[in-house]
C-alpha atoms as a PDB file:
ATOM      1  CA  MET A   1     -26.669  35.160 -27.195  1.00  0.00           C
ATOM      2  CA  THR A   2     -26.587  31.387 -27.649  1.00  0.00           C
ATOM      3  CA  ARG A   3     -25.575  29.653 -24.433  1.00  0.00           C
ATOM      4  CA  ARG A   4     -22.331  27.709 -24.710  1.00  0.00           C
ATOM      5  CA  ILE A   5     -22.033  24.262 -23.133  1.00  0.00           C
ATOM      6  CA  ASP A   6     -18.464  22.967 -23.014  1.00  0.00           C
ATOM      7  CA  ILE A   7     -17.837  19.262 -23.400  1.00  0.00           C
ATOM      8  CA  VAL A   8     -14.869  17.612 -21.694  1.00  0.00           C
ATOM      9  CA  GLU A   9     -14.063  14.538 -23.777  1.00  0.00           C
ATOM     10  CA  VAL A  10     -13.124  11.615 -21.508  1.00  0.00           C
ATOM     11  CA  GLY A  11     -12.939   8.825 -24.081  1.00  0.00           C
ATOM     12  CA  PRO A  12      -9.133   8.472 -24.136  1.00  0.00           C
ATOM     13  CA  ARG A  13      -9.104   7.960 -20.350  1.00  0.00           C
ATOM     14  CA  ASP A  14     -12.406   6.879 -18.823  1.00  0.00           C
ATOM     15  CA  GLY A  15     -13.548   5.467 -22.134  1.00  0.00           C
ATOM     16  CA  LEU A  16     -10.588   3.165 -22.724  1.00  0.00           C
ATOM     17  CA  GLN A  17      -9.707   2.171 -19.162  1.00  0.00           C
ATOM     18  CA  ASN A  18     -12.442  -0.475 -18.930  1.00  0.00           C
ATOM     19  CA  ASP A  19     -12.818  -1.484 -22.569  1.00  0.00           C
ATOM     20  CA  PRO A  20     -11.948  -5.090 -23.436  1.00  0.00           C
ATOM     21  CA  ALA A  21      -9.723  -3.874 -26.281  1.00  0.00           C
ATOM     22  CA  ASN A  22      -6.077  -2.985 -25.740  1.00  0.00           C
ATOM     23  CA  LEU A  23      -5.198  -0.023 -27.912  1.00  0.00           C
ATOM     24  CA  THR A  24      -1.572   0.726 -28.667  1.00  0.00           C
ATOM     25  CA  THR A  25      -0.094   4.087 -27.767  1.00  0.00           C
ATOM     26  CA  SER A  26      -0.183   5.113 -31.429  1.00  0.00           C
ATOM     27  CA  GLN A  27      -3.867   4.161 -31.683  1.00  0.00           C
ATOM     28  CA  LYS A  28      -4.636   6.236 -28.589  1.00  0.00           C
ATOM     29  CA  LEU A  29      -2.818   9.184 -30.119  1.00  0.00           C
ATOM     30  CA  GLU A  30      -4.804   8.774 -33.321  1.00  0.00           C
ATOM     31  CA  PHE A  31      -8.018   8.730 -31.274  1.00  0.00           C
ATOM     32  CA  ILE A  32      -6.952  11.958 -29.569  1.00  0.00           C
ATOM     33  CA  SER A  33      -6.028  13.543 -32.903  1.00  0.00           C
ATOM     34  CA  ARG A  34      -9.394  12.604 -34.409  1.00  0.00           C
ATOM     35  CA  LEU A  35     -11.180  14.142 -31.419  1.00  0.00           C
ATOM     36  CA  GLU A  36      -9.180  17.330 -31.870  1.00  0.00           C
ATOM     37  CA  GLU A  37     -10.345  17.422 -35.489  1.00  0.00           C
ATOM     38  CA  CYS A  38     -13.918  17.240 -34.142  1.00  0.00           C
ATOM     39  CA  GLY A  39     -13.263  20.489 -32.280  1.00  0.00           C
ATOM     40  CA  VAL A  40     -12.524  19.055 -28.826  1.00  0.00           C
ATOM     41  CA  ARG A  41     -10.532  21.595 -26.839  1.00  0.00           C
ATOM     42  CA  ARG A  42     -10.415  19.873 -23.459  1.00  0.00           C
ATOM     43  CA  MET A  43     -10.025  16.151 -22.856  1.00  0.00           C
ATOM     44  CA  GLU A  44      -8.823  13.567 -20.380  1.00  0.00           C
ATOM     45  CA  SER A  45      -5.921  12.064 -22.262  1.00  0.00           C
ATOM     46  CA  GLY A  46      -4.618   9.643 -19.629  1.00  0.00           C
ATOM     47  CA  SER A  47      -4.334   8.821 -15.958  1.00  0.00           C
ATOM     48  CA  PHE A  48      -1.378   8.411 -13.644  1.00  0.00           C
ATOM     49  CA  VAL A  49      -2.558   5.577 -11.445  1.00  0.00           C
ATOM     50  CA  SER A  50      -1.160   2.173 -10.557  1.00  0.00           C
ATOM     51  CA  PRO A  51      -0.483   0.229 -13.778  1.00  0.00           C
ATOM     52  CA  LYS A  52      -1.301  -2.959 -11.880  1.00  0.00           C
ATOM     53  CA  ALA A  53      -4.719  -1.621 -10.930  1.00  0.00           C
ATOM     54  CA  VAL A  54      -5.515  -0.037 -14.321  1.00  0.00           C
ATOM     55  CA  PRO A  55      -3.171  -1.650 -16.870  1.00  0.00           C
ATOM     56  CA  LYS A  56      -4.846   0.021 -19.861  1.00  0.00           C
ATOM     57  CA  MET A  57      -3.523   3.388 -18.648  1.00  0.00           C
ATOM     58  CA  ALA A  58       0.043   2.162 -18.093  1.00  0.00           C
ATOM     59  CA  ASP A  59       1.315   4.048 -21.150  1.00  0.00           C
ATOM     60  CA  SER A  60      -0.110   7.458 -20.182  1.00  0.00           C
ATOM     61  CA  ALA A  61       3.357   9.020 -19.930  1.00  0.00           C
ATOM     62  CA  GLU A  62       4.081   7.890 -23.496  1.00  0.00           C
ATOM     63  CA  VAL A  63       0.713   9.220 -24.657  1.00  0.00           C
ATOM     64  CA  PHE A  64       1.438  12.653 -23.162  1.00  0.00           C
ATOM     65  CA  MET A  65       4.890  12.614 -24.694  1.00  0.00           C
ATOM     66  CA  GLY A  66       3.386  11.975 -28.132  1.00  0.00           C
ATOM     67  CA  LEU A  67       0.728  14.719 -28.046  1.00  0.00           C
ATOM     68  CA  ASP A  68       0.752  17.457 -30.665  1.00  0.00           C
ATOM     69  CA  ARG A  69       1.194  20.452 -28.385  1.00  0.00           C
ATOM     70  CA  SER A  70       0.791  22.929 -31.253  1.00  0.00           C
ATOM     71  CA  LYS A  71      -2.965  22.351 -31.117  1.00  0.00           C
ATOM     72  CA  PRO A  72      -5.161  24.378 -28.742  1.00  0.00           C
ATOM     73  CA  THR A  73      -6.465  21.359 -26.798  1.00  0.00           C
ATOM     74  CA  ARG A  74      -5.979  21.246 -23.031  1.00  0.00           C
ATOM     75  CA  HIS A  75      -4.913  17.717 -22.090  1.00  0.00           C
ATOM     76  CA  ILE A  76      -6.041  16.586 -18.634  1.00  0.00           C
ATOM     77  CA  ALA A  77      -4.293  13.966 -16.516  1.00  0.00           C
ATOM     78  CA  LEU A  78      -6.187  12.147 -13.794  1.00  0.00           C
ATOM     79  CA  ALA A  79      -4.489  11.448 -10.455  1.00  0.00           C
ATOM     80  CA  LEU A  80      -5.504   9.917  -7.129  1.00  0.00           C
ATOM     81  CA  ASN A  81      -2.508  10.602  -4.891  1.00  0.00           C
ATOM     82  CA  GLU A  82       0.809  12.413  -4.579  1.00  0.00           C
ATOM     83  CA  LYS A  83       2.736   9.924  -6.702  1.00  0.00           C
ATOM     84  CA  GLY A  84       0.216  10.286  -9.510  1.00  0.00           C
ATOM     85  CA  VAL A  85       0.268  14.080  -9.236  1.00  0.00           C
ATOM     86  CA  ARG A  86       4.047  14.170  -9.507  1.00  0.00           C
ATOM     87  CA  ARG A  87       3.956  11.885 -12.553  1.00  0.00           C
ATOM     88  CA  ALA A  88       1.298  14.108 -14.175  1.00  0.00           C
ATOM     89  CA  ILE A  89       3.435  17.188 -13.549  1.00  0.00           C
ATOM     90  CA  ASP A  90       6.473  15.439 -15.053  1.00  0.00           C
ATOM     91  CA  ALA A  91       4.374  14.548 -18.104  1.00  0.00           C
ATOM     92  CA  LYS A  92       3.567  18.246 -18.580  1.00  0.00           C
ATOM     93  CA  ALA A  93      -0.169  17.792 -18.237  1.00  0.00           C
ATOM     94  CA  ASP A  94      -2.119  20.947 -19.082  1.00  0.00           C
ATOM     95  CA  GLU A  95      -4.521  20.248 -16.215  1.00  0.00           C
ATOM     96  CA  ILE A  96      -4.747  17.743 -13.372  1.00  0.00           C
ATOM     97  CA  ASN A  97      -8.056  16.237 -12.345  1.00  0.00           C
ATOM     98  CA  PHE A  98      -7.895  14.861  -8.807  1.00  0.00           C
ATOM     99  CA  VAL A  99     -10.367  12.179  -7.745  1.00  0.00           C
ATOM    100  CA  LEU A 100     -12.243  12.367  -4.463  1.00  0.00           C
ATOM    101  CA  VAL A 101     -14.587   9.574  -3.425  1.00  0.00           C
ATOM    102  CA  ALA A 102     -17.990   9.790  -1.721  1.00  0.00           C
ATOM    103  CA  GLY A 103     -18.505   6.066  -0.959  1.00  0.00           C
ATOM    104  CA  GLU A 104     -16.683   4.149   1.769  1.00  0.00           C
ATOM    105  CA  THR A 105     -16.424   0.692   0.195  1.00  0.00           C
ATOM    106  CA  PHE A 106     -15.923   1.893  -3.363  1.00  0.00           C
ATOM    107  CA  GLY A 107     -13.260   4.300  -2.112  1.00  0.00           C
ATOM    108  CA  LYS A 108     -11.356   1.497  -0.416  1.00  0.00           C
ATOM    109  CA  ARG A 109     -11.487  -0.673  -3.528  1.00  0.00           C
ATOM    110  CA  ASN A 110     -10.844   2.062  -6.093  1.00  0.00           C
ATOM    111  CA  GLN A 111      -8.115   4.087  -4.412  1.00  0.00           C
ATOM    112  CA  GLY A 112      -7.576   2.619  -0.965  1.00  0.00           C
ATOM    113  CA  MET A 113      -9.132   5.621   0.793  1.00  0.00           C
ATOM    114  CA  SER A 114     -12.247   6.603   2.670  1.00  0.00           C
ATOM    115  CA  PRO A 115     -14.033   9.814   1.642  1.00  0.00           C
ATOM    116  CA  SER A 116     -12.299  11.732   4.423  1.00  0.00           C
ATOM    117  CA  GLU A 117      -8.907  10.296   3.516  1.00  0.00           C
ATOM    118  CA  SER A 118      -9.382  11.293  -0.131  1.00  0.00           C
ATOM    119  CA  GLY A 119     -10.058  14.837   1.091  1.00  0.00           C
ATOM    120  CA  ASP A 120      -6.875  14.712   3.156  1.00  0.00           C
ATOM    121  CA  MET A 121      -4.930  13.541   0.110  1.00  0.00           C
ATOM    122  CA  LEU A 122      -6.308  16.410  -1.976  1.00  0.00           C
ATOM    123  CA  ALA A 123      -5.193  18.904   0.672  1.00  0.00           C
ATOM    124  CA  GLN A 124      -1.736  17.313   0.621  1.00  0.00           C
ATOM    125  CA  CYS A 125      -1.439  17.379  -3.172  1.00  0.00           C
ATOM    126  CA  ALA A 126      -2.977  20.790  -3.879  1.00  0.00           C
ATOM    127  CA  PRO A 127       0.183  22.798  -3.033  1.00  0.00           C
ATOM    128  CA  LEU A 128       2.226  20.660  -5.450  1.00  0.00           C
ATOM    129  CA  ILE A 129      -0.197  21.369  -8.284  1.00  0.00           C
ATOM    130  CA  LEU A 130      -0.529  25.059  -7.477  1.00  0.00           C
ATOM    131  CA  ASP A 131       3.252  25.492  -7.166  1.00  0.00           C
ATOM    132  CA  ALA A 132       3.630  23.886 -10.601  1.00  0.00           C
ATOM    133  CA  GLY A 133       1.256  26.482 -12.024  1.00  0.00           C
ATOM    134  CA  ILE A 134      -1.044  23.842 -13.466  1.00  0.00           C
ATOM    135  CA  PRO A 135      -4.832  24.376 -13.400  1.00  0.00           C
ATOM    136  CA  PHE A 136      -6.549  21.695 -11.413  1.00  0.00           C
ATOM    137  CA  SER A 137     -10.017  20.336 -11.008  1.00  0.00           C
ATOM    138  CA  ALA A 138     -11.525  17.532  -8.979  1.00  0.00           C
ATOM    139  CA  THR A 139     -14.142  14.851  -9.495  1.00  0.00           C
ATOM    140  CA  ILE A 140     -16.203  13.347  -6.679  1.00  0.00           C
ATOM    141  CA  SER A 141     -16.742   9.749  -7.757  1.00  0.00           C
ATOM    142  CA  VAL A 142     -19.867   7.749  -6.824  1.00  0.00           C
ATOM    143  CA  ALA A 143     -21.513  11.030  -5.793  1.00  0.00           C
ATOM    144  CA  PHE A 144     -24.961   9.634  -6.569  1.00  0.00           C
ATOM    145  CA  GLY A 145     -24.549   6.079  -5.314  1.00  0.00           C
ATOM    146  CA  ASP A 146     -21.976   3.464  -4.278  1.00  0.00           C
ATOM    147  CA  PRO A 147     -22.111   0.024  -5.960  1.00  0.00           C
ATOM    148  CA  PHE A 148     -21.400  -1.692  -2.648  1.00  0.00           C
ATOM    149  CA  ASP A 149     -22.929   0.526   0.030  1.00  0.00           C
ATOM    150  CA  GLY A 150     -25.912   1.843  -1.925  1.00  0.00           C
ATOM    151  CA  GLU A 151     -27.087   5.364  -1.130  1.00  0.00           C
ATOM    152  CA  VAL A 152     -24.492   8.080  -0.584  1.00  0.00           C
ATOM    153  CA  ASP A 153     -25.232  10.807   1.951  1.00  0.00           C
ATOM    154  CA  PRO A 154     -25.443  14.175   0.139  1.00  0.00           C
ATOM    155  CA  ALA A 155     -23.785  15.712   3.207  1.00  0.00           C
ATOM    156  CA  VAL A 156     -20.639  13.696   2.466  1.00  0.00           C
ATOM    157  CA  VAL A 157     -20.590  14.987  -1.113  1.00  0.00           C
ATOM    158  CA  ALA A 158     -21.180  18.561   0.012  1.00  0.00           C
ATOM    159  CA  ASN A 159     -18.404  18.293   2.618  1.00  0.00           C
ATOM    160  CA  LEU A 160     -15.954  17.040   0.001  1.00  0.00           C
ATOM    161  CA  ALA A 161     -16.979  19.913  -2.267  1.00  0.00           C
ATOM    162  CA  ALA A 162     -16.266  22.393   0.527  1.00  0.00           C
ATOM    163  CA  ARG A 163     -12.861  20.802   1.129  1.00  0.00           C
ATOM    164  CA  ALA A 164     -12.103  21.001  -2.593  1.00  0.00           C
ATOM    165  CA  GLN A 165     -12.963  24.692  -2.611  1.00  0.00           C
ATOM    166  CA  ARG A 166     -10.663  25.333   0.364  1.00  0.00           C
ATOM    167  CA  ALA A 167      -7.857  23.442  -1.399  1.00  0.00           C
ATOM    168  CA  GLY A 168      -8.036  25.768  -4.391  1.00  0.00           C
ATOM    169  CA  VAL A 169      -9.992  23.625  -6.857  1.00  0.00           C
ATOM    170  CA  GLY A 170     -11.567  25.858  -9.491  1.00  0.00           C
ATOM    171  CA  GLU A 171     -13.923  23.309 -11.017  1.00  0.00           C
ATOM    172  CA  LEU A 172     -15.615  20.317  -9.435  1.00  0.00           C
ATOM    173  CA  ALA A 173     -17.327  17.414 -11.195  1.00  0.00           C
ATOM    174  CA  LEU A 174     -20.056  15.355  -9.581  1.00  0.00           C
ATOM    175  CA  GLY A 175     -19.529  11.838 -10.879  1.00  0.00           C
ATOM    176  CA  ASP A 176     -22.332   9.354 -11.406  1.00  0.00           C
ATOM    177  CA  THR A 177     -19.788   6.562 -11.675  1.00  0.00           C
ATOM    178  CA  ILE A 178     -22.307   3.705 -11.752  1.00  0.00           C
ATOM    179  CA  GLY A 179     -25.151   5.413 -13.599  1.00  0.00           C
ATOM    180  CA  VAL A 180     -27.816   5.541 -10.884  1.00  0.00           C
ATOM    181  CA  ALA A 181     -28.700   9.250 -10.808  1.00  0.00           C
ATOM    182  CA  THR A 182     -32.087  10.678 -11.736  1.00  0.00           C
ATOM    183  CA  PRO A 183     -32.776  14.241 -12.944  1.00  0.00           C
ATOM    184  CA  TRP A 184     -34.411  15.169  -9.646  1.00  0.00           C
ATOM    185  CA  GLN A 185     -31.425  13.852  -7.686  1.00  0.00           C
ATOM    186  CA  VAL A 186     -29.123  15.864  -9.946  1.00  0.00           C
ATOM    187  CA  LYS A 187     -31.090  19.012  -9.167  1.00  0.00           C
ATOM    188  CA  ALA A 188     -31.109  18.389  -5.396  1.00  0.00           C
ATOM    189  CA  LEU A 189     -27.412  17.509  -5.135  1.00  0.00           C
ATOM    190  CA  THR A 190     -26.387  20.457  -7.293  1.00  0.00           C
ATOM    191  CA  GLU A 191     -28.275  22.817  -4.993  1.00  0.00           C
ATOM    192  CA  ARG A 192     -26.732  21.217  -1.889  1.00  0.00           C
ATOM    193  CA  VAL A 193     -23.176  21.387  -3.226  1.00  0.00           C
ATOM    194  CA  ARG A 194     -23.585  25.033  -4.196  1.00  0.00           C
ATOM    195  CA  LEU A 195     -24.565  25.867  -0.632  1.00  0.00           C
ATOM    196  CA  GLU A 196     -21.330  24.350   0.680  1.00  0.00           C
ATOM    197  CA  ALA A 197     -18.979  25.350  -2.154  1.00  0.00           C
ATOM    198  CA  PRO A 198     -20.446  28.441  -3.826  1.00  0.00           C
ATOM    199  CA  ASP A 199     -17.197  29.583  -5.446  1.00  0.00           C
ATOM    200  CA  VAL A 200     -16.460  26.404  -7.416  1.00  0.00           C
ATOM    201  CA  PHE A 201     -17.688  25.938 -10.984  1.00  0.00           C
ATOM    202  CA  LEU A 202     -19.583  22.678 -11.409  1.00  0.00           C
ATOM    203  CA  ARG A 203     -19.097  20.021 -14.053  1.00  0.00           C
ATOM    204  CA  MET A 204     -21.136  16.824 -14.420  1.00  0.00           C
ATOM    205  CA  HIS A 205     -19.953  13.311 -15.226  1.00  0.00           C
ATOM    206  CA  PHE A 206     -22.719  10.850 -16.086  1.00  0.00           C
ATOM    207  CA  HIS A 207     -22.678   7.185 -17.072  1.00  0.00           C
ATOM    208  CA  ASP A 208     -25.585   5.754 -19.028  1.00  0.00           C
ATOM    209  CA  THR A 209     -25.776   2.431 -17.208  1.00  0.00           C
ATOM    210  CA  ARG A 210     -29.521   2.745 -16.601  1.00  0.00           C
ATOM    211  CA  GLY A 211     -30.448   4.928 -19.556  1.00  0.00           C
ATOM    212  CA  ALA A 212     -30.885   8.235 -17.707  1.00  0.00           C
ATOM    213  CA  ALA A 213     -27.686  10.036 -18.672  1.00  0.00           C
ATOM    214  CA  LEU A 214     -29.143  12.405 -21.282  1.00  0.00           C
ATOM    215  CA  ALA A 215     -32.015  13.310 -18.959  1.00  0.00           C
ATOM    216  CA  ASN A 216     -29.464  13.992 -16.241  1.00  0.00           C
ATOM    217  CA  VAL A 217     -27.437  16.205 -18.594  1.00  0.00           C
ATOM    218  CA  ALA A 218     -30.585  18.209 -19.334  1.00  0.00           C
ATOM    219  CA  ALA A 219     -31.336  18.538 -15.607  1.00  0.00           C
ATOM    220  CA  ALA A 220     -27.810  19.757 -14.893  1.00  0.00           C
ATOM    221  CA  ILE A 221     -27.998  22.351 -17.659  1.00  0.00           C
ATOM    222  CA  ASP A 222     -31.349  23.546 -16.310  1.00  0.00           C
ATOM    223  CA  GLU A 223     -29.512  24.058 -13.002  1.00  0.00           C
ATOM    224  CA  GLY A 224     -26.946  26.294 -14.708  1.00  0.00           C
ATOM    225  CA  VAL A 225     -24.121  23.787 -15.177  1.00  0.00           C
ATOM    226  CA  ASP A 226     -22.117  24.671 -18.294  1.00  0.00           C
ATOM    227  CA  VAL A 227     -19.548  21.855 -18.465  1.00  0.00           C
ATOM    228  CA  ILE A 228     -20.358  18.191 -19.198  1.00  0.00           C
ATOM    229  CA  ASP A 229     -18.063  15.164 -19.399  1.00  0.00           C
ATOM    230  CA  ALA A 230     -18.788  12.775 -22.275  1.00  0.00           C
ATOM    231  CA  SER A 231     -17.097   9.955 -24.153  1.00  0.00           C
ATOM    232  CA  CYS A 232     -17.091   9.471 -27.918  1.00  0.00           C
ATOM    233  CA  GLY A 233     -19.106   6.381 -28.802  1.00  0.00           C
ATOM    234  CA  GLY A 234     -20.355   6.087 -25.223  1.00  0.00           C
ATOM    235  CA  ILE A 235     -17.408   3.849 -24.354  1.00  0.00           C
ATOM    236  CA  GLY A 236     -16.121   3.498 -20.823  1.00  0.00           C
ATOM    237  CA  GLY A 237     -16.779   2.284 -17.323  1.00  0.00           C
ATOM    238  CA  CYS A 238     -14.955   1.699 -14.077  1.00  0.00           C
ATOM    239  CA  PRO A 239     -12.844  -1.430 -13.419  1.00  0.00           C
ATOM    240  CA  PHE A 240     -13.834  -1.278  -9.742  1.00  0.00           C
ATOM    241  CA  ALA A 241     -17.618  -0.969 -10.177  1.00  0.00           C
ATOM    242  CA  PRO A 242     -19.521  -4.176 -10.993  1.00  0.00           C
ATOM    243  CA  ALA A 243     -21.592  -3.984 -14.198  1.00  0.00           C
ATOM    244  CA  ALA A 244     -20.334  -0.461 -14.924  1.00  0.00           C
ATOM    245  CA  THR A 245     -20.995   0.655 -18.472  1.00  0.00           C
ATOM    246  CA  GLY A 246     -19.974   3.593 -20.557  1.00  0.00           C
ATOM    247  CA  ASN A 247     -20.122   7.331 -20.191  1.00  0.00           C
ATOM    248  CA  VAL A 248     -22.829   9.333 -21.867  1.00  0.00           C
ATOM    249  CA  ALA A 249     -21.888   9.506 -25.556  1.00  0.00           C
ATOM    250  CA  THR A 250     -20.385  12.770 -26.770  1.00  0.00           C
ATOM    251  CA  GLU A 251     -22.232  12.726 -30.079  1.00  0.00           C
ATOM    252  CA  ASP A 252     -25.567  12.033 -28.359  1.00  0.00           C
ATOM    253  CA  VAL A 253     -25.034  14.977 -25.993  1.00  0.00           C
ATOM    254  CA  VAL A 254     -23.989  17.274 -28.833  1.00  0.00           C
ATOM    255  CA  TYR A 255     -27.035  16.326 -30.899  1.00  0.00           C
ATOM    256  CA  MET A 256     -29.438  16.948 -28.005  1.00  0.00           C
ATOM    257  CA  LEU A 257     -27.865  20.281 -27.109  1.00  0.00           C
ATOM    258  CA  GLU A 258     -27.487  21.709 -30.579  1.00  0.00           C
ATOM    259  CA  ARG A 259     -31.005  20.650 -31.608  1.00  0.00           C
ATOM    260  CA  SER A 260     -32.127  22.594 -28.521  1.00  0.00           C
ATOM    261  CA  GLY A 261     -30.281  25.766 -29.501  1.00  0.00           C
ATOM    262  CA  PHE A 262     -27.118  25.435 -27.397  1.00  0.00           C
ATOM    263  CA  GLU A 263     -23.614  25.796 -28.814  1.00  0.00           C
ATOM    264  CA  THR A 264     -20.878  23.199 -28.219  1.00  0.00           C
ATOM    265  CA  GLY A 265     -18.257  24.046 -30.837  1.00  0.00           C
ATOM    266  CA  LEU A 266     -18.046  20.372 -31.835  1.00  0.00           C
ATOM    267  CA  ASP A 267     -18.565  18.898 -35.296  1.00  0.00           C
ATOM    268  CA  LEU A 268     -21.312  16.272 -34.971  1.00  0.00           C
ATOM    269  CA  GLY A 269     -20.561  14.633 -38.309  1.00  0.00           C
ATOM    270  CA  LYS A 270     -16.895  14.146 -37.426  1.00  0.00           C
ATOM    271  CA  LEU A 271     -17.820  12.810 -33.981  1.00  0.00           C
ATOM    272  CA  ILE A 272     -20.020  10.178 -35.609  1.00  0.00           C
ATOM    273  CA  GLU A 273     -17.185   9.291 -38.001  1.00  0.00           C
ATOM    274  CA  THR A 274     -14.820   8.963 -35.032  1.00  0.00           C
ATOM    275  CA  ALA A 275     -17.266   6.713 -33.188  1.00  0.00           C
ATOM    276  CA  LYS A 276     -17.467   4.455 -36.252  1.00  0.00           C
ATOM    277  CA  TRP A 277     -13.665   4.447 -36.517  1.00  0.00           C
ATOM    278  CA  LEU A 278     -13.542   3.413 -32.855  1.00  0.00           C
ATOM    279  CA  GLU A 279     -15.575   0.326 -33.654  1.00  0.00           C
ATOM    280  CA  THR A 280     -12.854  -0.792 -36.078  1.00  0.00           C
ATOM    281  CA  VAL A 281      -9.991  -0.423 -33.587  1.00  0.00           C
ATOM    282  CA  LEU A 282     -11.903  -1.697 -30.562  1.00  0.00           C
ATOM    283  CA  GLY A 283     -13.285  -4.652 -32.456  1.00  0.00           C
ATOM    284  CA  HIS A 284     -16.843  -4.254 -31.179  1.00  0.00           C
ATOM    285  CA  PRO A 285     -19.836  -1.917 -31.639  1.00  0.00           C
ATOM    286  CA  VAL A 286     -20.086   1.270 -29.593  1.00  0.00           C
ATOM    287  CA  SER A 287     -23.258   2.132 -27.720  1.00  0.00           C
ATOM    288  CA  SER A 288     -24.052   5.656 -28.875  1.00  0.00           C
ATOM    289  CA  SER A 289     -27.375   6.244 -30.618  1.00  0.00           C
ATOM    290  CA  LEU A 290     -26.014   8.766 -33.120  1.00  0.00           C
ATOM    291  CA  SER A 291     -23.384   6.329 -34.398  1.00  0.00           C
ATOM    292  CA  LYS A 292     -26.294   4.155 -35.533  1.00  0.00           C
ATOM    293  CA  ALA A 293     -29.009   6.671 -36.468  1.00  0.00           C
ATOM    294  CA  GLY A 294     -26.963   9.637 -37.643  1.00  0.00           C
ATOM    295  CA  GLY A 295     -27.926  13.262 -37.182  1.00  0.00           C
ATOM    296  CA  PHE A 296     -31.168  14.995 -38.075  1.00  0.00           C
ATOM    297  CA  PRO A 297     -32.312  13.948 -41.581  1.00  0.00           C
ATOM    298  CA  GLY A 298     -31.163  16.336 -44.276  1.00  0.00           C
END
């Protein structure tokens, strides 16, 4: 049987939160609708964080209110603390993705927490999410490197993974927030995390800041990871990471995987069309290769 790789589309959240453009709520909803037409069945559709810290996500409640719930897409809300979790529950999110942090300085700047404190916050919030009957996942940000402190100890990442497993997280993403990972680092950290949290499914979240994201996706898949975060057009970045650039582009990942015999369930042609539409509403080019070159000739 053909191996299935599921793509979690993060463009409406991670993609837009650091873009210079300011999309209206209706434009965000059109973006989401276009992605659904591409076959996306799981996506980060907003985040419930401080509107002062991330003003581009201030309308996430309105976005969730405007979603077409008749479609089979699972809409994920990102949260960092109890207030955000409660807002995500009120918005009727289909899934909550909680953010842990592996770097001390980045953690303080991004969410006002150390790695250990982010683990404590997850333990505090987990019962709220479980009692609400909402599936929840977690992402460990800067798992491969901190923009301020440099190298991140794999033991810290593995410890956070173990704490996430104990809290009831079913799926855990390792986030290369600043795009510094290499394929060999991906392999080593994946093996380490699985030793500490063997019962959690792994997902990978790569940024293409230094051009290694597709290679890192391939390395993760070789390690048995079946879920990859990606952003249409390759848009995105983190407001709290200097020189952060976009996520690995959804259409580039889909092209690489399907040319290699994997199944994604996504329509590459429609993804490319959506990336080109994005350029019109964002007012600038997107970075994905497929939006420029197109798919395989013929």
